[in-house]
N, C-alpha and C. Protein backbone atom coordinates (compact mmCIF):
# COMPACT_ATOMS: atom_id res chain seq x y z
N MET A 1 -121.95 90.17 10.16
CA MET A 1 -122.41 89.40 9.01
C MET A 1 -121.48 88.20 8.79
N PHE A 2 -120.20 88.42 9.03
CA PHE A 2 -119.22 87.33 8.88
C PHE A 2 -119.57 86.17 9.79
N HIS A 3 -119.89 86.46 11.07
CA HIS A 3 -120.19 85.37 11.98
C HIS A 3 -121.58 84.77 11.70
N ALA A 4 -122.50 85.56 11.19
CA ALA A 4 -123.79 85.01 10.78
C ALA A 4 -123.58 83.99 9.63
N ILE A 5 -122.74 84.33 8.70
CA ILE A 5 -122.42 83.43 7.60
C ILE A 5 -121.73 82.18 8.14
N ARG A 6 -120.81 82.37 9.08
CA ARG A 6 -120.09 81.21 9.64
C ARG A 6 -121.05 80.28 10.37
N SER A 7 -122.12 80.84 10.98
CA SER A 7 -123.10 79.96 11.64
C SER A 7 -123.82 79.09 10.60
N LEU A 8 -124.10 79.68 9.43
CA LEU A 8 -124.70 78.88 8.35
C LEU A 8 -123.73 77.83 7.84
N LEU A 9 -122.48 78.23 7.66
CA LEU A 9 -121.49 77.31 7.15
C LEU A 9 -121.28 76.13 8.10
N ALA A 10 -121.46 76.34 9.39
CA ALA A 10 -121.30 75.26 10.35
C ALA A 10 -122.32 74.14 10.06
N LEU A 11 -123.45 74.52 9.53
CA LEU A 11 -124.47 73.50 9.19
C LEU A 11 -124.01 72.62 8.05
N GLU A 12 -123.11 73.11 7.24
CA GLU A 12 -122.57 72.39 6.12
C GLU A 12 -121.21 71.73 6.48
N ARG A 13 -120.85 71.90 7.73
CA ARG A 13 -119.53 71.44 8.22
C ARG A 13 -118.40 72.04 7.46
N GLU A 14 -118.58 73.35 7.21
CA GLU A 14 -117.55 74.16 6.52
C GLU A 14 -117.21 75.31 7.40
N ASP A 15 -116.07 75.90 7.20
CA ASP A 15 -115.63 77.09 7.95
C ASP A 15 -114.67 77.88 7.07
N ALA A 16 -114.58 79.12 7.39
CA ALA A 16 -113.64 79.99 6.68
C ALA A 16 -113.05 80.96 7.68
N LYS A 17 -111.81 81.27 7.49
CA LYS A 17 -111.14 82.21 8.36
C LYS A 17 -111.14 83.61 7.82
N THR A 18 -111.46 83.79 6.55
CA THR A 18 -111.44 85.12 5.94
C THR A 18 -112.86 85.45 5.46
N HIS A 19 -113.07 86.74 5.31
CA HIS A 19 -114.37 87.19 4.79
C HIS A 19 -114.60 86.70 3.37
N ALA A 20 -113.58 86.77 2.53
CA ALA A 20 -113.70 86.29 1.16
C ALA A 20 -114.03 84.80 1.12
N GLY A 21 -113.35 84.04 1.94
CA GLY A 21 -113.59 82.58 2.01
C GLY A 21 -115.00 82.27 2.46
N ALA A 22 -115.43 83.00 3.50
CA ALA A 22 -116.80 82.79 4.03
C ALA A 22 -117.84 83.11 2.96
N LEU A 23 -117.63 84.20 2.26
CA LEU A 23 -118.61 84.61 1.24
C LEU A 23 -118.63 83.59 0.09
N ALA A 24 -117.47 83.08 -0.31
CA ALA A 24 -117.43 82.10 -1.36
C ALA A 24 -118.16 80.81 -0.97
N LEU A 25 -117.96 80.35 0.25
CA LEU A 25 -118.63 79.14 0.72
C LEU A 25 -120.10 79.39 0.91
N PHE A 26 -120.49 80.55 1.42
CA PHE A 26 -121.87 80.91 1.56
C PHE A 26 -122.57 80.89 0.19
N SER A 27 -121.96 81.49 -0.79
CA SER A 27 -122.52 81.50 -2.13
C SER A 27 -122.68 80.11 -2.65
N LYS A 28 -121.68 79.27 -2.46
CA LYS A 28 -121.74 77.89 -2.94
C LYS A 28 -122.84 77.07 -2.32
N HIS A 29 -122.97 77.15 -1.01
CA HIS A 29 -123.90 76.30 -0.27
C HIS A 29 -125.32 76.86 -0.15
N PHE A 30 -125.44 78.17 -0.14
CA PHE A 30 -126.75 78.76 0.18
C PHE A 30 -127.34 79.63 -0.90
N VAL A 31 -126.59 79.91 -1.94
CA VAL A 31 -127.13 80.74 -3.00
C VAL A 31 -127.20 79.95 -4.31
N VAL A 32 -126.04 79.47 -4.79
CA VAL A 32 -125.97 78.82 -6.09
C VAL A 32 -126.66 77.44 -6.08
N SER A 33 -126.26 76.57 -5.16
CA SER A 33 -126.78 75.21 -5.19
C SER A 33 -128.12 75.07 -4.48
N ALA A 34 -128.35 75.80 -3.44
CA ALA A 34 -129.54 75.61 -2.63
C ALA A 34 -130.61 76.70 -2.83
N GLU A 35 -130.20 77.83 -3.31
CA GLU A 35 -131.09 78.97 -3.52
C GLU A 35 -131.86 79.32 -2.24
N LYS A 36 -131.25 79.25 -1.09
CA LYS A 36 -131.86 79.61 0.19
C LYS A 36 -131.73 81.07 0.43
N PHE A 37 -130.73 81.68 -0.16
CA PHE A 37 -130.51 83.14 -0.06
C PHE A 37 -130.27 83.62 -1.49
N SER A 38 -130.41 84.92 -1.68
CA SER A 38 -130.41 85.47 -3.04
C SER A 38 -129.00 86.07 -3.41
N LYS A 39 -128.90 86.34 -4.66
CA LYS A 39 -127.68 87.03 -5.14
C LYS A 39 -127.62 88.45 -4.55
N LYS A 40 -128.78 89.04 -4.27
CA LYS A 40 -128.83 90.35 -3.64
C LYS A 40 -128.22 90.26 -2.25
N ASP A 41 -128.46 89.15 -1.53
CA ASP A 41 -127.86 88.97 -0.23
C ASP A 41 -126.32 88.97 -0.34
N VAL A 42 -125.79 88.32 -1.34
CA VAL A 42 -124.35 88.29 -1.57
C VAL A 42 -123.85 89.72 -1.86
N ALA A 43 -124.59 90.41 -2.73
CA ALA A 43 -124.21 91.80 -3.04
C ALA A 43 -124.22 92.69 -1.81
N ASP A 44 -125.21 92.51 -0.96
CA ASP A 44 -125.30 93.27 0.30
C ASP A 44 -124.10 92.99 1.19
N VAL A 45 -123.77 91.76 1.33
CA VAL A 45 -122.60 91.38 2.14
C VAL A 45 -121.33 91.99 1.56
N MET A 46 -121.21 91.95 0.24
CA MET A 46 -120.04 92.52 -0.42
C MET A 46 -119.96 94.02 -0.21
N TYR A 47 -121.09 94.69 -0.26
CA TYR A 47 -121.12 96.16 -0.02
C TYR A 47 -120.65 96.47 1.41
N VAL A 48 -121.23 95.75 2.36
CA VAL A 48 -120.84 95.99 3.78
C VAL A 48 -119.36 95.70 3.99
N GLN A 49 -118.90 94.61 3.38
CA GLN A 49 -117.47 94.26 3.49
C GLN A 49 -116.59 95.35 2.87
N SER A 50 -117.02 95.90 1.74
CA SER A 50 -116.25 96.99 1.14
C SER A 50 -116.19 98.22 2.04
N MET A 51 -117.29 98.49 2.71
CA MET A 51 -117.31 99.66 3.64
C MET A 51 -116.35 99.37 4.83
N ARG A 52 -116.38 98.13 5.30
CA ARG A 52 -115.49 97.77 6.42
C ARG A 52 -114.03 97.93 6.01
N SER A 53 -113.75 97.42 4.80
CA SER A 53 -112.38 97.50 4.29
C SER A 53 -111.91 98.95 4.12
N LYS A 54 -112.77 99.79 3.59
CA LYS A 54 -112.43 101.23 3.45
C LYS A 54 -112.11 101.82 4.81
N GLY A 55 -112.96 101.51 5.79
CA GLY A 55 -112.73 102.04 7.15
C GLY A 55 -111.46 101.56 7.78
N ASP A 56 -111.07 100.30 7.45
CA ASP A 56 -109.87 99.73 8.04
C ASP A 56 -108.60 100.15 7.29
N TYR A 57 -108.69 100.29 5.99
CA TYR A 57 -107.43 100.41 5.20
C TYR A 57 -107.28 101.70 4.40
N VAL A 58 -108.29 102.52 4.27
CA VAL A 58 -108.15 103.74 3.51
C VAL A 58 -107.90 104.89 4.50
N ASP A 59 -106.75 105.54 4.37
CA ASP A 59 -106.43 106.63 5.25
C ASP A 59 -107.44 107.77 5.12
N TYR A 60 -107.88 108.20 6.25
CA TYR A 60 -108.79 109.37 6.32
C TYR A 60 -110.15 109.17 5.66
N TYR A 61 -110.54 107.90 5.53
CA TYR A 61 -111.86 107.62 4.95
C TYR A 61 -112.91 107.97 5.96
N LEU A 62 -113.89 108.75 5.55
CA LEU A 62 -115.03 109.11 6.39
C LEU A 62 -116.31 108.82 5.61
N PRO A 63 -117.05 107.83 6.01
CA PRO A 63 -118.26 107.48 5.29
C PRO A 63 -119.30 108.60 5.45
N THR A 64 -120.16 108.70 4.43
CA THR A 64 -121.23 109.65 4.52
C THR A 64 -122.33 109.15 5.49
N PRO A 65 -123.15 109.99 6.01
CA PRO A 65 -124.26 109.51 6.86
C PRO A 65 -125.12 108.46 6.11
N GLU A 66 -125.32 108.66 4.85
CA GLU A 66 -126.14 107.71 4.07
C GLU A 66 -125.45 106.36 3.97
N GLU A 67 -124.14 106.37 3.74
CA GLU A 67 -123.39 105.12 3.70
C GLU A 67 -123.48 104.39 5.04
N VAL A 68 -123.39 105.14 6.11
CA VAL A 68 -123.48 104.53 7.46
C VAL A 68 -124.87 103.92 7.66
N ARG A 69 -125.93 104.67 7.35
CA ARG A 69 -127.28 104.16 7.50
C ARG A 69 -127.50 102.90 6.63
N ARG A 70 -127.05 102.95 5.37
CA ARG A 70 -127.24 101.79 4.49
C ARG A 70 -126.50 100.59 5.02
N THR A 71 -125.26 100.80 5.46
CA THR A 71 -124.46 99.71 5.98
C THR A 71 -125.13 99.04 7.16
N ILE A 72 -125.58 99.84 8.11
CA ILE A 72 -126.26 99.31 9.28
C ILE A 72 -127.54 98.58 8.93
N GLU A 73 -128.34 99.17 8.03
CA GLU A 73 -129.60 98.49 7.63
C GLU A 73 -129.37 97.15 6.92
N LEU A 74 -128.38 97.14 6.04
CA LEU A 74 -128.07 95.88 5.31
C LEU A 74 -127.58 94.83 6.30
N ALA A 75 -126.74 95.21 7.22
CA ALA A 75 -126.22 94.22 8.21
C ALA A 75 -127.37 93.70 9.08
N LYS A 76 -128.19 94.60 9.59
CA LYS A 76 -129.33 94.16 10.44
C LYS A 76 -130.26 93.22 9.67
N SER A 77 -130.55 93.60 8.43
CA SER A 77 -131.47 92.83 7.60
C SER A 77 -130.92 91.44 7.31
N PHE A 78 -129.63 91.36 7.01
CA PHE A 78 -129.02 90.08 6.71
C PHE A 78 -128.98 89.16 7.91
N VAL A 79 -128.57 89.71 9.05
CA VAL A 79 -128.48 88.89 10.27
C VAL A 79 -129.88 88.41 10.66
N LYS A 80 -130.92 89.24 10.50
CA LYS A 80 -132.27 88.84 10.78
C LYS A 80 -132.68 87.70 9.86
N LYS A 81 -132.32 87.80 8.58
CA LYS A 81 -132.65 86.74 7.62
C LYS A 81 -131.99 85.43 8.00
N VAL A 82 -130.76 85.48 8.46
CA VAL A 82 -130.05 84.27 8.91
C VAL A 82 -130.77 83.70 10.15
N GLN A 83 -131.14 84.57 11.05
CA GLN A 83 -131.86 84.10 12.28
C GLN A 83 -133.17 83.43 11.91
N LEU A 84 -133.91 84.02 10.98
CA LEU A 84 -135.18 83.45 10.54
C LEU A 84 -134.95 82.10 9.85
N TYR A 85 -133.90 82.01 9.07
CA TYR A 85 -133.58 80.72 8.39
C TYR A 85 -133.30 79.67 9.42
N LEU A 86 -132.47 80.01 10.42
CA LEU A 86 -132.15 79.03 11.45
C LEU A 86 -133.39 78.61 12.25
N ALA A 87 -134.20 79.58 12.59
CA ALA A 87 -135.43 79.31 13.35
C ALA A 87 -136.44 78.46 12.50
N ALA A 88 -136.55 78.78 11.25
CA ALA A 88 -137.45 78.03 10.37
C ALA A 88 -137.01 76.57 10.22
N ASN A 89 -135.77 76.34 10.37
CA ASN A 89 -135.20 74.98 10.28
C ASN A 89 -135.00 74.35 11.66
N ASP A 90 -135.57 75.01 12.67
CA ASP A 90 -135.57 74.54 14.05
C ASP A 90 -134.13 74.27 14.57
N ILE A 91 -133.24 75.15 14.17
CA ILE A 91 -131.85 75.01 14.59
C ILE A 91 -131.57 76.03 15.70
N LYS A 92 -131.29 75.50 16.88
CA LYS A 92 -131.09 76.37 18.04
C LYS A 92 -129.63 76.34 18.47
N PHE A 93 -128.96 75.27 18.27
CA PHE A 93 -127.60 75.18 18.74
C PHE A 93 -126.87 74.21 17.84
N VAL A 94 -125.64 74.57 17.44
CA VAL A 94 -124.92 73.71 16.51
C VAL A 94 -123.54 73.34 17.20
N ILE A 95 -123.25 72.08 17.19
CA ILE A 95 -121.94 71.55 17.60
C ILE A 95 -121.43 70.77 16.43
N TRP A 96 -120.15 70.91 16.08
CA TRP A 96 -119.60 70.18 14.92
C TRP A 96 -119.98 68.70 15.03
N GLY A 97 -120.62 68.22 14.02
CA GLY A 97 -120.94 66.79 13.93
C GLY A 97 -122.22 66.39 14.61
N LYS A 98 -122.81 67.34 15.38
CA LYS A 98 -124.01 67.01 16.14
C LYS A 98 -124.91 68.24 16.14
N TYR A 99 -126.21 68.03 16.00
CA TYR A 99 -127.18 69.12 16.02
C TYR A 99 -128.14 68.88 17.19
N ASP A 100 -128.21 69.80 18.08
CA ASP A 100 -129.13 69.70 19.18
C ASP A 100 -130.24 70.72 19.02
N ASN A 101 -131.48 70.32 19.10
CA ASN A 101 -132.60 71.22 19.02
C ASN A 101 -133.05 71.71 20.36
């Protein structure tokens, strides 16, 4: 999801090195000002990020099967939404400062 967001940010000539930074810029450019994605999309990314953080930083954390299923489904759904957005805007390849279709 982080890299899907970064692909969108590239269209705005923005980038972020952290998950929090990427989410903030995504919200700014694609949710608040442009309304291309929803607040639910942001909440979904935040949920998946929280699950990733628990897995990385909480000792002995073991997600439930339902948490695993939900996390996978949210990630797949979000990435698909980004792919559809890029396809709908006829964006196939992005190079900083230049867009090739």
